[in-house]
Amino acid sequence: DIWIKIKESLTNQNAIGPSLTLRCQVHRYKLTEIKTAEDFMNIPEGGCSLMCESSLGCGHICKSLCHVEDRDHVVYKCHEKCNKVLCNNEEHVCQKLCYKECGPCTYLVQHVLDCGHKVTIECHLDPTSYNCDVPVKSVLPCGHEVDKPCFRDPESFKCPEPCAVRVEPCGHACTRSCHIRVDPDHLEYRCQKPCIKPKIGCSFPEEEKHICSKLCCEECDTCEIGIKKFRTVCSHVFNVPCKTNVDEIECTKPCNRVLPCGHKCGNKCNEPCGNCNHKVEKYVADCQHKVKVKCSEEPDRKFCKGKCPRLLPCGHVCNKKCNEKCTTFCKGITDCSKPSPCGHIDKKISCALKDTVDPEVLLRHCTEKCNVKLKCGHFCSGGCGECSQGRIHQRCKEKCGTTLICNHECPIPCSEACKPCQKKCNYKCPHSKCSRKCGDPCNGCKESCKRRCEHQKCEKRCDQICNIPPCYELCKKLLECGHPCVGFCGDPCPILCKICNYDELTDIFLGDEDEEDAVYVMLEDCKHIFESGNIEKWLQSGDEIMIKFCPRCKTPITSTERFSEYMKRSMSDIIN
């Protein structure tokens, strides 16, 4: 390998050491030891660390570090002050850097020009060709005396004075500077000031006219400002553009003229007034009924919808309306004593049929009371003819009276099917009462059940069946009279005392009320008191789905907590 051979050669020459010695090509005596790559930074220009100090063509010396490239200093820029003499005046020396071009002499010197004015100008300028800009008073061809530069010819100098000529026909002052050489008569001048003329077609008085919004040089706009105008013909008001002649508009508003009858005309303003169409009340001479007709119309029987007052040949009043032709078939009811096949004689029949002998007609008009007992238990209230001689009875019109499952009486007619009860629901609990109708399912109370005593406590919700049975321990409380309570623990104490109210309390109703060991329960809904065993048997009896109620007064049992299970089961059966 070549590098192995090179190493052997250098080793034999004792040329391998800790550093590389470099000799400057310019300063031959200057050596630089290079041990690391960073050591090359000490000789950035490739020479050594000394200054170059070579003489330049401008007479200055190079102030860069020793450099190998550009040894002739062709690229190098000398940053010394130039100090070359710029002109014949040796005091005018160049102030630029040496490498920059000197240029003309810019020193300021004073000269007296041919016009006699003294001016200070740059040295290199020729005073004989210099334009003197000293202001001098001159009278221009327009007649204005102005300050102008000395060198300017008055004939060509533009006058800076304002024109101030009143322009025809607008009357505004010209806004340009003096222009005697260009359009001196303002024939082409366009005035840029706001127009002061009224808008075209403006109908306002002279001192109130709407002013044109354009420039003076532009054509005026038409007056489109909306205003209210009164028509001179009918005095109606219109919102129209100011330029519009309101009398030329066809008025379609309601006419406000008064007709000879005193009513306002009902036509439009642009239409001729015609007959009065205002509705008024007038009496019809034939029937003396009051009718509403147009004011311009005569009251006639054809307009009358009242009942006809004419008498028919039979003597009955016509049952038609005034505007209808009188009937030839009188429907007036009259007595008829002709016997009919049903055996009845007296009947009421239409006047037109009073002379008939048709048995079917006589049967149909028989008014004898039917009085047949219907299946519902009520008597038929129809007539013989209405019931087709007992074959088809009229619907029963009596009140139903059936006891509903809620224990209310059905109020609708007997002929109709019973409907859910619409009375207010009686169901209530210790927390609240139902707000729905009796025939609607109750929204159960979600509060905790309050049923409890010293022996047990229900853990269910109020609308659920209790998880405890009724307490059968005797109540230990004393009544107001001082005698012991006759009820059970946890129940409201019955208001009757077995000692003070013996006869009333032991009155036999369900049985066992007079037993010596009888314990009593008071229904909280109606305050009636029953022997506990008998009332429970009574509540358990019967398979009908209906609300349990007091056997004495039929009051629904909804608040007596002891029997809440019966009540809740009944409610569940009704809903489901």
Protein backbone atom coordinates (compact mmCIF):
# COMPACT_ATOMS: atom_id res chain seq x y z
CA ASP A 1 0.00 0.00 0.00
CA ILE A 2 1.31 3.46 -0.93
CA TRP A 3 0.72 5.04 2.49
CA ILE A 4 2.77 2.34 4.18
CA LYS A 5 5.65 3.11 1.86
CA ILE A 6 5.28 6.84 2.50
CA LYS A 7 5.38 6.27 6.23
CA GLU A 8 8.52 4.12 5.93
CA SER A 9 10.20 6.79 3.83
CA LEU A 10 9.34 9.56 6.30
CA THR A 11 10.48 7.46 9.23
CA ASN A 12 13.82 6.81 7.58
CA GLN A 13 14.24 10.55 7.05
CA ASN A 14 13.29 11.31 10.66
CA ALA A 15 10.46 13.44 9.23
CA ILE A 16 7.63 12.33 11.53
CA GLY A 17 7.08 14.43 14.66
CA PRO A 18 4.39 16.04 16.91
CA SER A 19 3.85 19.06 14.62
CA LEU A 20 4.08 20.32 11.05
CA THR A 21 6.29 23.36 10.47
CA LEU A 22 5.08 25.82 7.80
CA ARG A 23 7.23 28.61 6.33
CA CYS A 24 5.64 31.87 5.11
CA GLN A 25 6.35 32.49 1.40
CA VAL A 26 6.36 36.25 1.98
CA HIS A 27 8.11 36.49 5.30
CA ARG A 28 10.59 33.63 4.85
CA TYR A 29 11.85 33.87 8.35
CA LYS A 30 8.40 33.32 9.87
CA LEU A 31 7.66 29.69 10.83
CA THR A 32 4.29 28.38 12.09
CA GLU A 33 3.91 25.14 14.06
CA ILE A 34 0.68 23.25 13.23
CA LYS A 35 -0.31 20.61 15.75
CA THR A 36 -4.10 20.58 15.35
CA ALA A 37 -6.61 21.67 12.75
CA GLU A 38 -7.46 24.68 14.90
CA ASP A 39 -3.90 26.00 14.45
CA PHE A 40 -4.70 26.82 10.81
CA MET A 41 -7.05 29.55 12.11
CA ASN A 42 -3.94 31.54 13.12
CA ILE A 43 -2.98 31.97 9.46
CA PRO A 44 -6.38 32.44 7.77
CA GLU A 45 -4.90 33.96 4.61
CA GLY A 46 -2.39 31.15 4.11
CA GLY A 47 0.73 33.20 4.94
CA CYS A 48 1.60 33.97 8.52
CA SER A 49 0.29 36.03 11.41
CA LEU A 50 2.22 39.20 10.49
CA MET A 51 0.71 42.23 8.70
CA CYS A 52 1.22 42.38 4.92
CA GLU A 53 2.44 46.06 4.80
CA SER A 54 3.13 45.91 1.06
CA SER A 55 3.19 49.28 -0.77
CA LEU A 56 0.10 49.95 -2.88
CA GLY A 57 -0.18 51.91 -6.10
CA CYS A 58 -1.99 54.72 -4.26
CA GLY A 59 0.99 55.20 -1.97
CA HIS A 60 -0.59 53.59 1.08
CA ILE A 61 0.42 50.21 2.55
CA CYS A 62 -1.72 47.03 2.83
CA LYS A 63 -3.18 46.63 6.27
CA SER A 64 -4.36 43.02 5.90
CA LEU A 65 -2.78 39.95 7.50
CA CYS A 66 -0.12 38.28 5.43
CA HIS A 67 -1.86 36.74 2.44
CA VAL A 68 -0.77 34.46 -0.36
CA GLU A 69 -3.50 35.31 -2.84
CA ASP A 70 -3.84 38.72 -4.59
CA ARG A 71 -0.20 39.53 -4.00
CA ASP A 72 -0.47 42.32 -6.60
CA HIS A 73 -3.33 43.86 -4.62
CA VAL A 74 -5.61 44.10 -7.61
CA VAL A 75 -8.72 43.08 -5.64
CA TYR A 76 -7.69 44.74 -2.39
CA LYS A 77 -9.58 47.97 -1.52
CA CYS A 78 -7.66 50.63 0.30
CA HIS A 79 -9.71 52.19 3.10
CA GLU A 80 -7.40 55.11 3.78
CA LYS A 81 -8.60 58.70 3.17
CA CYS A 82 -7.99 59.75 -0.47
CA ASN A 83 -6.69 63.39 -0.09
CA LYS A 84 -6.21 63.88 -3.84
CA VAL A 85 -6.57 67.47 -5.14
CA LEU A 86 -9.83 67.69 -7.08
CA CYS A 87 -9.38 70.95 -8.98
CA ASN A 88 -7.09 73.92 -9.43
CA ASN A 89 -7.67 74.86 -5.84
CA GLU A 90 -5.21 72.75 -3.86
CA GLU A 91 -7.36 73.08 -0.78
CA HIS A 92 -10.11 71.09 -2.43
CA VAL A 93 -8.99 67.55 -1.60
CA CYS A 94 -11.07 64.39 -1.93
CA GLN A 95 -12.80 63.31 1.27
CA LYS A 96 -13.75 59.84 0.07
CA LEU A 97 -12.01 56.50 0.83
CA CYS A 98 -9.00 55.79 -1.34
CA TYR A 99 -10.59 52.94 -3.33
CA LYS A 100 -13.60 55.06 -4.38
CA GLU A 101 -13.64 57.29 -7.47
CA CYS A 102 -13.13 60.94 -6.57
CA GLY A 103 -15.66 62.44 -8.99
CA PRO A 104 -16.13 66.20 -9.64
CA CYS A 105 -15.27 68.79 -7.01
CA THR A 106 -18.32 69.41 -4.84
CA TYR A 107 -16.83 72.11 -2.64
CA LEU A 108 -19.16 75.16 -2.49
CA VAL A 109 -17.83 78.39 -3.93
CA GLN A 110 -19.45 81.80 -4.43
CA HIS A 111 -19.83 83.36 -7.89
CA VAL A 112 -21.36 86.57 -9.25
CA LEU A 113 -23.57 85.64 -12.18
CA ASP A 114 -24.13 87.70 -15.30
CA CYS A 115 -27.48 88.78 -13.84
CA GLY A 116 -25.61 90.29 -10.92
CA HIS A 117 -26.82 87.83 -8.30
CA LYS A 118 -24.35 86.14 -5.99
CA VAL A 119 -24.82 82.39 -5.72
CA THR A 120 -23.03 79.61 -3.88
CA ILE A 121 -22.65 76.57 -6.09
CA GLU A 122 -20.46 73.46 -6.35
CA CYS A 123 -16.97 74.14 -7.61
CA HIS A 124 -17.27 72.01 -10.75
CA LEU A 125 -20.32 73.94 -12.08
CA ASP A 126 -19.86 76.60 -14.79
CA PRO A 127 -21.29 79.92 -13.54
CA THR A 128 -21.85 81.13 -17.07
CA SER A 129 -24.35 78.33 -17.78
CA TYR A 130 -25.88 78.19 -14.30
CA ASN A 131 -29.63 78.97 -14.07
CA CYS A 132 -30.10 81.61 -11.41
CA ASP A 133 -33.00 80.60 -9.15
CA VAL A 134 -32.97 83.71 -6.99
CA PRO A 135 -36.62 84.94 -6.67
CA VAL A 136 -37.28 88.21 -8.45
CA LYS A 137 -40.45 90.27 -8.83
CA SER A 138 -41.86 90.15 -12.35
CA VAL A 139 -45.08 91.24 -14.04
CA LEU A 140 -46.46 88.37 -16.11
CA PRO A 141 -48.50 88.75 -19.31
CA CYS A 142 -51.64 88.14 -17.24
CA GLY A 143 -50.85 91.31 -15.29
CA HIS A 144 -50.02 89.58 -12.00
CA GLU A 145 -46.79 90.56 -10.23
CA VAL A 146 -45.25 87.41 -8.83
CA ASP A 147 -41.97 86.04 -7.53
CA LYS A 148 -40.28 83.88 -10.14
CA PRO A 149 -36.78 82.37 -10.47
CA CYS A 150 -34.41 84.86 -12.13
CA PHE A 151 -33.62 82.57 -15.05
CA ARG A 152 -37.31 81.92 -15.99
CA ASP A 153 -38.82 83.81 -18.92
CA PRO A 154 -41.95 85.74 -17.86
CA GLU A 155 -43.66 84.77 -21.09
CA SER A 156 -43.48 81.04 -20.33
CA PHE A 157 -43.67 81.15 -16.54
CA LYS A 158 -46.94 79.72 -15.16
CA CYS A 159 -48.72 82.21 -12.97
CA PRO A 160 -49.35 80.77 -9.46
CA GLU A 161 -52.03 83.30 -8.57
CA PRO A 162 -55.63 81.94 -8.29
CA CYS A 163 -57.88 82.60 -11.25
CA ALA A 164 -60.78 83.97 -9.14
CA VAL A 165 -62.96 84.47 -12.21
CA ARG A 166 -66.69 83.93 -11.58
CA VAL A 167 -67.67 81.16 -13.92
CA GLU A 168 -70.79 81.46 -16.00
CA PRO A 169 -73.50 80.32 -15.59
CA CYS A 170 -73.02 78.59 -12.22
CA GLY A 171 -71.57 81.65 -10.46
CA HIS A 172 -68.82 79.74 -8.63
CA ALA A 173 -65.25 81.07 -8.54
CA CYS A 174 -62.74 79.23 -10.71
CA THR A 175 -60.59 76.97 -8.55
CA ARG A 176 -57.62 76.80 -10.94
CA SER A 177 -54.51 78.97 -10.87
CA CYS A 178 -54.23 81.75 -13.45
CA HIS A 179 -54.59 80.20 -16.90
CA ILE A 180 -54.60 83.08 -19.36
CA ARG A 181 -52.85 80.95 -21.96
CA VAL A 182 -55.25 77.95 -21.68
CA ASP A 183 -59.07 78.37 -21.85
CA PRO A 184 -59.02 81.95 -20.55
CA ASP A 185 -62.78 82.31 -21.18
CA HIS A 186 -63.62 79.12 -19.23
CA LEU A 187 -65.40 77.59 -22.15
CA GLU A 188 -64.05 74.12 -21.33
CA TYR A 189 -63.86 74.58 -17.56
CA ARG A 190 -65.82 72.00 -15.51
CA CYS A 191 -66.77 73.32 -12.09
CA GLN A 192 -66.09 70.70 -9.40
CA LYS A 193 -67.97 72.41 -6.60
CA PRO A 194 -71.29 71.00 -5.23
CA CYS A 195 -74.29 71.99 -7.29
CA ILE A 196 -76.59 74.56 -5.67
CA LYS A 197 -79.48 74.23 -8.12
CA PRO A 198 -82.71 72.46 -7.09
CA LYS A 199 -83.31 68.92 -8.27
CA ILE A 200 -85.18 68.57 -11.53
CA GLY A 201 -88.91 68.41 -10.94
CA CYS A 202 -88.77 69.38 -7.25
CA SER A 203 -92.21 70.59 -6.23
CA PHE A 204 -91.24 72.28 -2.97
CA PRO A 205 -91.43 76.08 -2.60
CA GLU A 206 -88.40 77.98 -3.83
CA GLU A 207 -86.86 78.46 -0.40
CA GLU A 208 -87.39 74.80 0.55
CA LYS A 209 -86.45 73.03 -2.66
CA HIS A 210 -84.31 69.91 -2.55
CA ILE A 211 -80.80 70.76 -3.74
CA CYS A 212 -79.04 68.68 -6.38
CA SER A 213 -76.50 66.27 -4.90
CA LYS A 214 -74.17 66.17 -7.92
CA LEU A 215 -71.19 68.33 -8.93
CA CYS A 216 -71.84 71.67 -10.56
CA CYS A 217 -70.47 70.45 -13.89
CA GLU A 218 -72.80 67.42 -13.97
CA GLU A 219 -76.39 67.28 -15.12
CA CYS A 220 -78.76 67.73 -12.19
CA ASP A 221 -80.60 64.66 -10.95
CA THR A 222 -84.38 64.38 -10.76
CA CYS A 223 -86.03 64.79 -7.36
CA GLU A 224 -86.78 61.26 -6.13
CA ILE A 225 -87.11 62.15 -2.44
CA GLY A 226 -90.27 60.57 -1.02
CA ILE A 227 -92.78 63.02 0.43
CA LYS A 228 -96.47 63.06 1.30
CA LYS A 229 -98.69 64.82 -1.21
CA PHE A 230 -102.41 65.55 -1.10
CA ARG A 231 -104.46 65.13 -4.23
CA THR A 232 -106.40 68.27 -5.03
CA VAL A 233 -109.33 66.22 -6.36
CA CYS A 234 -110.00 63.87 -3.45
CA SER A 235 -107.57 65.02 -0.73
CA HIS A 236 -106.12 61.53 -0.36
CA VAL A 237 -102.49 61.42 0.74
CA PHE A 238 -99.83 59.53 -1.21
CA ASN A 239 -96.17 58.89 -0.50
CA VAL A 240 -94.59 59.70 -3.85
CA PRO A 241 -91.30 61.03 -5.24
CA CYS A 242 -91.15 64.81 -5.00
CA LYS A 243 -91.11 65.17 -8.79
CA THR A 244 -94.39 63.28 -9.21
CA ASN A 245 -97.64 65.11 -9.90
CA VAL A 246 -99.92 63.35 -7.44
CA ASP A 247 -103.05 64.40 -9.33
CA GLU A 248 -101.89 62.28 -12.27
CA ILE A 249 -101.94 59.13 -10.11
CA GLU A 250 -105.06 57.00 -10.39
CA CYS A 251 -106.45 56.94 -6.86
CA THR A 252 -107.64 53.47 -5.81
CA LYS A 253 -108.32 54.33 -2.20
CA PRO A 254 -111.87 54.15 -0.81
CA CYS A 255 -114.02 57.03 -1.95
CA ASN A 256 -114.79 59.49 0.84
CA ARG A 257 -117.71 61.23 -0.84
CA VAL A 258 -121.11 61.14 0.91
CA LEU A 259 -124.08 59.85 -1.07
CA PRO A 260 -127.49 61.53 -0.94
CA CYS A 261 -128.63 58.87 1.53
CA GLY A 262 -125.99 60.01 3.99
CA HIS A 263 -123.73 56.97 3.67
CA LYS A 264 -120.21 57.08 2.38
CA CYS A 265 -119.60 55.84 -1.12
CA GLY A 266 -118.24 52.30 -1.05
CA ASN A 267 -116.46 52.43 -4.39
CA LYS A 268 -112.87 53.32 -5.11
CA CYS A 269 -111.96 56.95 -5.51
CA ASN A 270 -111.29 56.58 -9.24
CA GLU A 271 -114.68 54.97 -9.83
CA PRO A 272 -117.93 56.87 -10.26
CA CYS A 273 -120.19 56.84 -7.23
CA GLY A 274 -123.03 54.39 -7.80
CA ASN A 275 -125.88 53.01 -5.78
CA CYS A 276 -125.40 52.76 -2.04
CA ASN A 277 -124.41 49.23 -1.06
CA HIS A 278 -124.40 49.92 2.66
CA LYS A 279 -126.45 47.31 4.54
CA VAL A 280 -129.39 48.75 6.46
CA GLU A 281 -132.42 47.32 8.20
CA LYS A 282 -135.80 47.88 6.57
CA TYR A 283 -139.29 46.56 7.19
CA VAL A 284 -140.92 44.38 4.57
CA ALA A 285 -144.40 45.76 3.98
CA ASP A 286 -145.90 42.33 3.28
CA CYS A 287 -144.76 40.55 6.46
CA GLN A 288 -143.52 43.44 8.63
CA HIS A 289 -140.29 41.58 9.27
CA LYS A 290 -137.07 43.53 9.53
CA VAL A 291 -134.50 42.58 6.89
CA LYS A 292 -130.99 43.72 6.03
CA VAL A 293 -130.74 44.98 2.47
CA LYS A 294 -128.63 47.39 0.50
CA CYS A 295 -129.55 50.98 1.13
CA SER A 296 -130.40 51.41 -2.54
CA GLU A 297 -132.73 48.38 -2.61
CA GLU A 298 -136.38 48.24 -1.66
CA PRO A 299 -137.26 45.71 1.05
CA ASP A 300 -138.94 42.74 -0.53
CA ARG A 301 -140.29 39.45 0.76
CA LYS A 302 -137.61 37.59 -1.20
CA PHE A 303 -135.00 38.91 1.24
CA CYS A 304 -136.91 37.81 4.35
CA LYS A 305 -135.86 34.60 6.07
CA GLY A 306 -138.32 34.96 8.92
CA LYS A 307 -141.19 32.61 9.62
CA CYS A 308 -144.08 33.10 7.22
CA PRO A 309 -147.06 34.77 8.99
CA ARG A 310 -149.67 33.82 6.39
CA LEU A 311 -152.60 31.62 7.33
CA LEU A 312 -153.25 28.52 5.29
CA PRO A 313 -156.80 27.63 4.20
CA CYS A 314 -156.99 25.24 7.15
CA GLY A 315 -156.40 28.11 9.55
CA HIS A 316 -152.87 27.12 10.59
CA VAL A 317 -149.94 29.45 10.12
CA CYS A 318 -147.62 28.55 7.23
CA ASN A 319 -144.47 26.84 8.49
CA LYS A 320 -142.29 27.99 5.61
CA LYS A 321 -140.03 31.04 5.48
CA CYS A 322 -141.24 34.35 4.13
CA ASN A 323 -139.09 34.07 1.02
CA GLU A 324 -140.49 30.60 0.25
CA LYS A 325 -143.74 29.64 -1.38
CA CYS A 326 -146.43 28.72 1.12
CA THR A 327 -146.92 24.98 1.58
CA THR A 328 -149.99 23.13 0.40
CA PHE A 329 -149.33 20.35 2.90
CA CYS A 330 -150.04 21.69 6.37
CA LYS A 331 -147.93 20.05 9.04
CA GLY A 332 -149.85 21.60 11.88
CA ILE A 333 -150.86 19.02 14.51
CA THR A 334 -154.54 18.46 15.09
CA ASP A 335 -156.61 15.97 17.05
CA CYS A 336 -157.94 12.92 15.27
CA SER A 337 -160.53 10.51 16.73
CA LYS A 338 -160.55 7.93 14.00
CA PRO A 339 -159.88 4.42 15.32
CA SER A 340 -156.70 2.75 14.11
CA PRO A 341 -155.98 -0.99 13.82
CA CYS A 342 -154.14 -0.89 17.17
CA GLY A 343 -157.47 -0.15 18.88
CA HIS A 344 -156.56 3.35 20.05
CA ILE A 345 -158.77 6.25 19.06
CA ASP A 346 -157.23 9.49 20.26
CA LYS A 347 -154.21 10.60 18.31
CA LYS A 348 -152.37 13.68 17.05
CA ILE A 349 -151.96 13.93 13.28
CA SER A 350 -150.82 16.44 10.67
CA CYS A 351 -153.57 18.76 9.53
CA ALA A 352 -153.16 17.63 5.94
CA LEU A 353 -153.80 14.01 7.01
CA LYS A 354 -156.76 14.57 9.33
CA ASP A 355 -159.25 13.14 6.84
CA THR A 356 -157.16 10.09 5.94
CA VAL A 357 -158.51 6.57 6.46
CA ASP A 358 -155.22 4.87 5.59
CA PRO A 359 -154.60 2.38 8.45
CA GLU A 360 -150.82 2.67 8.15
CA VAL A 361 -150.97 6.43 8.53
CA LEU A 362 -153.30 6.11 11.51
CA LEU A 363 -151.01 3.54 13.15
CA ARG A 364 -147.94 5.71 12.56
CA HIS A 365 -149.57 8.71 14.22
CA CYS A 366 -151.04 6.93 17.25
CA THR A 367 -149.90 8.88 20.32
CA GLU A 368 -151.16 6.55 23.03
CA LYS A 369 -148.37 5.92 25.60
CA CYS A 370 -146.52 2.62 25.17
CA ASN A 371 -145.67 2.07 28.89
CA VAL A 372 -144.09 -1.34 28.24
CA LYS A 373 -141.42 -2.35 30.79
CA LEU A 374 -138.07 -2.55 29.05
CA LYS A 375 -135.24 -4.99 29.79
CA CYS A 376 -133.42 -2.33 31.74
CA GLY A 377 -136.37 -2.14 34.13
CA HIS A 378 -137.58 1.28 33.04
CA PHE A 379 -140.90 1.89 31.28
CA CYS A 380 -140.92 2.89 27.60
CA SER A 381 -141.63 6.61 27.21
CA GLY A 382 -142.53 6.41 23.52
CA GLY A 383 -145.96 6.46 21.89
CA CYS A 384 -147.78 3.61 20.21
CA GLY A 385 -146.92 4.89 16.75
CA GLU A 386 -143.30 5.67 17.66
CA CYS A 387 -142.78 2.14 19.00
CA SER A 388 -144.50 0.55 15.99
CA GLN A 389 -147.21 -0.83 18.26
CA GLY A 390 -144.68 -2.37 20.67
CA ARG A 391 -142.53 -4.04 18.05
CA ILE A 392 -139.60 -1.61 18.19
CA HIS A 393 -139.38 0.47 21.34
CA GLN A 394 -137.78 3.87 21.65
CA ARG A 395 -134.39 4.04 23.34
CA CYS A 396 -134.65 4.39 27.09
CA LYS A 397 -134.16 8.00 28.18
CA GLU A 398 -133.93 7.31 31.90
CA LYS A 399 -130.70 7.79 33.85
CA CYS A 400 -128.58 4.60 33.98
CA GLY A 401 -127.89 4.57 37.73
CA THR A 402 -125.62 1.50 37.56
CA THR A 403 -122.95 1.38 40.26
CA LEU A 404 -119.54 1.62 38.61
CA ILE A 405 -116.45 -0.18 39.87
CA CYS A 406 -115.43 3.02 41.61
CA ASN A 407 -118.75 2.86 43.54
CA HIS A 408 -120.06 5.99 41.81
CA GLU A 409 -123.42 5.93 40.07
CA CYS A 410 -123.37 6.01 36.24
CA PRO A 411 -124.88 9.37 35.18
CA ILE A 412 -125.41 8.78 31.44
CA PRO A 413 -128.69 7.70 29.78
CA CYS A 414 -129.69 4.09 30.18
CA SER A 415 -129.56 3.48 26.42
CA GLU A 416 -125.84 4.24 26.24
CA ALA A 417 -122.96 2.01 27.31
CA CYS A 418 -121.44 2.95 30.65
CA LYS A 419 -118.25 4.99 30.33
CA PRO A 420 -115.29 5.43 32.69
CA CYS A 421 -116.25 7.62 35.60
CA GLN A 422 -115.47 11.31 35.02
CA LYS A 423 -115.81 12.37 38.64
CA LYS A 424 -112.83 13.39 40.72
CA CYS A 425 -110.89 10.41 42.02
CA ASN A 426 -111.45 9.66 45.74
CA TYR A 427 -108.20 7.79 46.22
CA LYS A 428 -105.89 9.34 48.76
CA CYS A 429 -103.09 8.30 51.08
CA PRO A 430 -101.44 9.90 54.12
CA HIS A 431 -99.13 11.84 51.78
CA SER A 432 -101.39 13.14 49.03
CA LYS A 433 -104.52 12.54 47.00
CA CYS A 434 -104.96 11.59 43.36
CA SER A 435 -105.62 14.52 41.01
CA ARG A 436 -106.90 12.45 38.10
CA LYS A 437 -110.41 11.53 37.09
CA CYS A 438 -111.97 8.52 38.72
CA GLY A 439 -111.97 6.53 35.48
CA ASP A 440 -108.25 7.11 34.81
CA PRO A 441 -105.52 4.94 36.38
CA CYS A 442 -104.09 6.58 39.48
CA ASN A 443 -100.49 7.69 39.56
CA GLY A 444 -99.25 5.77 42.58
CA CYS A 445 -97.64 7.58 45.52
CA LYS A 446 -93.89 6.99 45.58
CA GLU A 447 -93.34 8.11 49.17
CA SER A 448 -92.34 5.65 51.89
CA CYS A 449 -95.26 3.89 53.54
CA LYS A 450 -96.26 5.42 56.89
CA ARG A 451 -97.87 2.29 58.27
CA ARG A 452 -96.12 1.44 61.53
CA CYS A 453 -96.62 0.85 65.21
CA GLU A 454 -94.43 -0.05 68.15
CA HIS A 455 -94.43 -3.69 67.03
CA GLN A 456 -93.64 -3.42 63.30
CA LYS A 457 -92.91 -1.05 60.40
CA CYS A 458 -93.62 -1.29 56.66
CA GLU A 459 -90.56 -0.92 54.39
CA LYS A 460 -92.42 -0.59 51.10
CA ARG A 461 -93.50 2.41 49.06
CA CYS A 462 -96.91 3.87 49.69
CA ASP A 463 -98.32 2.52 46.40
CA GLN A 464 -97.05 -1.01 47.06
CA ILE A 465 -98.73 -3.72 49.14
CA CYS A 466 -97.33 -3.59 52.66
CA ASN A 467 -94.80 -6.21 53.74
CA ILE A 468 -96.34 -6.40 57.21
CA PRO A 469 -99.77 -7.71 58.27
CA PRO A 470 -102.20 -5.62 60.31
CA CYS A 471 -101.17 -5.46 63.96
CA TYR A 472 -103.53 -7.44 66.18
CA GLU A 473 -102.16 -6.21 69.48
CA LEU A 474 -104.69 -4.24 71.51
CA CYS A 475 -104.30 -0.49 71.64
CA LYS A 476 -102.95 0.74 74.98
CA LYS A 477 -104.23 4.29 74.63
CA LEU A 478 -107.01 5.84 76.70
CA LEU A 479 -109.90 7.71 75.15
CA GLU A 480 -110.82 11.25 76.15
CA CYS A 481 -113.33 9.80 78.57
CA GLY A 482 -110.51 7.97 80.36
CA HIS A 483 -111.60 4.47 79.34
CA PRO A 484 -109.38 2.13 77.30
CA CYS A 485 -109.45 2.21 73.51
CA VAL A 486 -111.45 -0.58 71.84
CA GLY A 487 -109.24 -0.77 68.73
CA PHE A 488 -105.95 -2.28 67.62
CA CYS A 489 -102.42 -0.96 68.02
CA GLY A 490 -101.39 1.39 65.19
CA ASP A 491 -104.99 2.10 64.10
CA PRO A 492 -106.80 5.37 64.76
CA CYS A 493 -108.71 4.97 68.01
CA PRO A 494 -112.47 4.47 67.44
CA ILE A 495 -114.40 7.51 68.62
CA LEU A 496 -116.90 5.38 70.59
CA CYS A 497 -116.25 3.97 74.05
CA LYS A 498 -117.56 0.52 75.00
CA ILE A 499 -118.55 1.87 78.39
CA CYS A 500 -119.79 5.33 77.54
CA ASN A 501 -121.31 4.44 74.14
CA TYR A 502 -122.17 0.80 74.71
CA ASP A 503 -125.54 0.72 72.93
CA GLU A 504 -124.29 2.57 69.87
CA LEU A 505 -121.07 0.56 69.65
CA THR A 506 -122.70 -2.85 70.10
CA ASP A 507 -125.55 -2.20 67.68
CA ILE A 508 -125.68 -5.36 65.59
CA PHE A 509 -124.95 -4.74 61.90
CA LEU A 510 -122.55 -7.40 60.62
CA GLY A 511 -122.74 -9.56 63.78
CA ASP A 512 -120.53 -10.05 66.85
CA GLU A 513 -120.61 -6.34 67.70
CA ASP A 514 -121.90 -7.18 71.20
CA GLU A 515 -119.34 -9.88 71.98
CA GLU A 516 -117.48 -9.24 75.21
CA ASP A 517 -114.03 -9.63 73.61
CA ALA A 518 -114.92 -7.77 70.42
CA VAL A 519 -112.25 -5.43 69.04
CA TYR A 520 -113.37 -2.66 66.75
CA VAL A 521 -112.04 -0.91 63.64
CA MET A 522 -113.03 2.62 62.59
CA LEU A 523 -113.02 3.36 58.86
CA GLU A 524 -111.12 6.62 58.44
CA ASP A 525 -113.07 7.50 55.31
CA CYS A 526 -116.51 7.73 56.92
CA LYS A 527 -115.85 7.18 60.68
CA HIS A 528 -118.19 4.18 60.87
CA ILE A 529 -117.11 1.54 63.42
CA PHE A 530 -117.32 -2.23 62.88
CA GLU A 531 -116.29 -5.36 64.76
CA SER A 532 -112.86 -6.21 63.31
CA GLY A 533 -113.50 -9.83 62.36
CA ASN A 534 -116.81 -9.16 60.66
CA ILE A 535 -115.56 -6.20 58.61
CA GLU A 536 -112.58 -8.23 57.40
CA LYS A 537 -114.87 -11.09 56.34
CA TRP A 538 -117.09 -8.60 54.55
CA LEU A 539 -114.12 -7.11 52.69
CA GLN A 540 -112.93 -10.58 51.67
CA SER A 541 -116.34 -11.58 50.36
CA GLY A 542 -117.48 -11.00 46.79
CA ASP A 543 -115.66 -11.63 43.53
CA GLU A 544 -116.62 -8.39 41.82
CA ILE A 545 -113.81 -6.14 40.65
CA MET A 546 -114.62 -2.86 42.31
CA ILE A 547 -113.48 -0.50 45.02
CA LYS A 548 -114.15 -1.71 48.55
CA PHE A 549 -116.62 0.50 50.35
CA CYS A 550 -118.25 0.99 53.72
CA PRO A 551 -121.11 -1.51 54.18
CA ARG A 552 -123.17 1.17 55.93
CA CYS A 553 -122.79 4.27 53.75
CA LYS A 554 -121.08 2.93 50.59
CA THR A 555 -118.19 5.38 51.01
CA PRO A 556 -115.09 4.02 49.19
CA ILE A 557 -112.41 2.79 51.57
CA THR A 558 -109.23 4.58 50.47
CA SER A 559 -107.66 6.03 53.63
CA THR A 560 -108.00 3.24 56.20
CA GLU A 561 -104.43 1.93 56.41
CA ARG A 562 -105.43 -1.32 58.13
CA PHE A 563 -107.31 -2.38 55.01
CA SER A 564 -104.88 -0.82 52.50
CA GLU A 565 -104.07 -4.25 51.07
CA TYR A 566 -107.70 -4.75 49.99
CA MET A 567 -107.79 -1.28 48.50
CA LYS A 568 -104.48 -1.65 46.62
CA ARG A 569 -105.43 -5.07 45.26
CA SER A 570 -108.77 -3.71 44.08
CA MET A 571 -107.03 -0.81 42.35
CA SER A 572 -104.59 -3.21 40.69
CA ASP A 573 -107.46 -5.41 39.47
CA ILE A 574 -109.27 -2.38 38.06
CA ILE A 575 -106.21 -1.05 36.22
CA ASN A 576 -105.16 -4.42 34.85
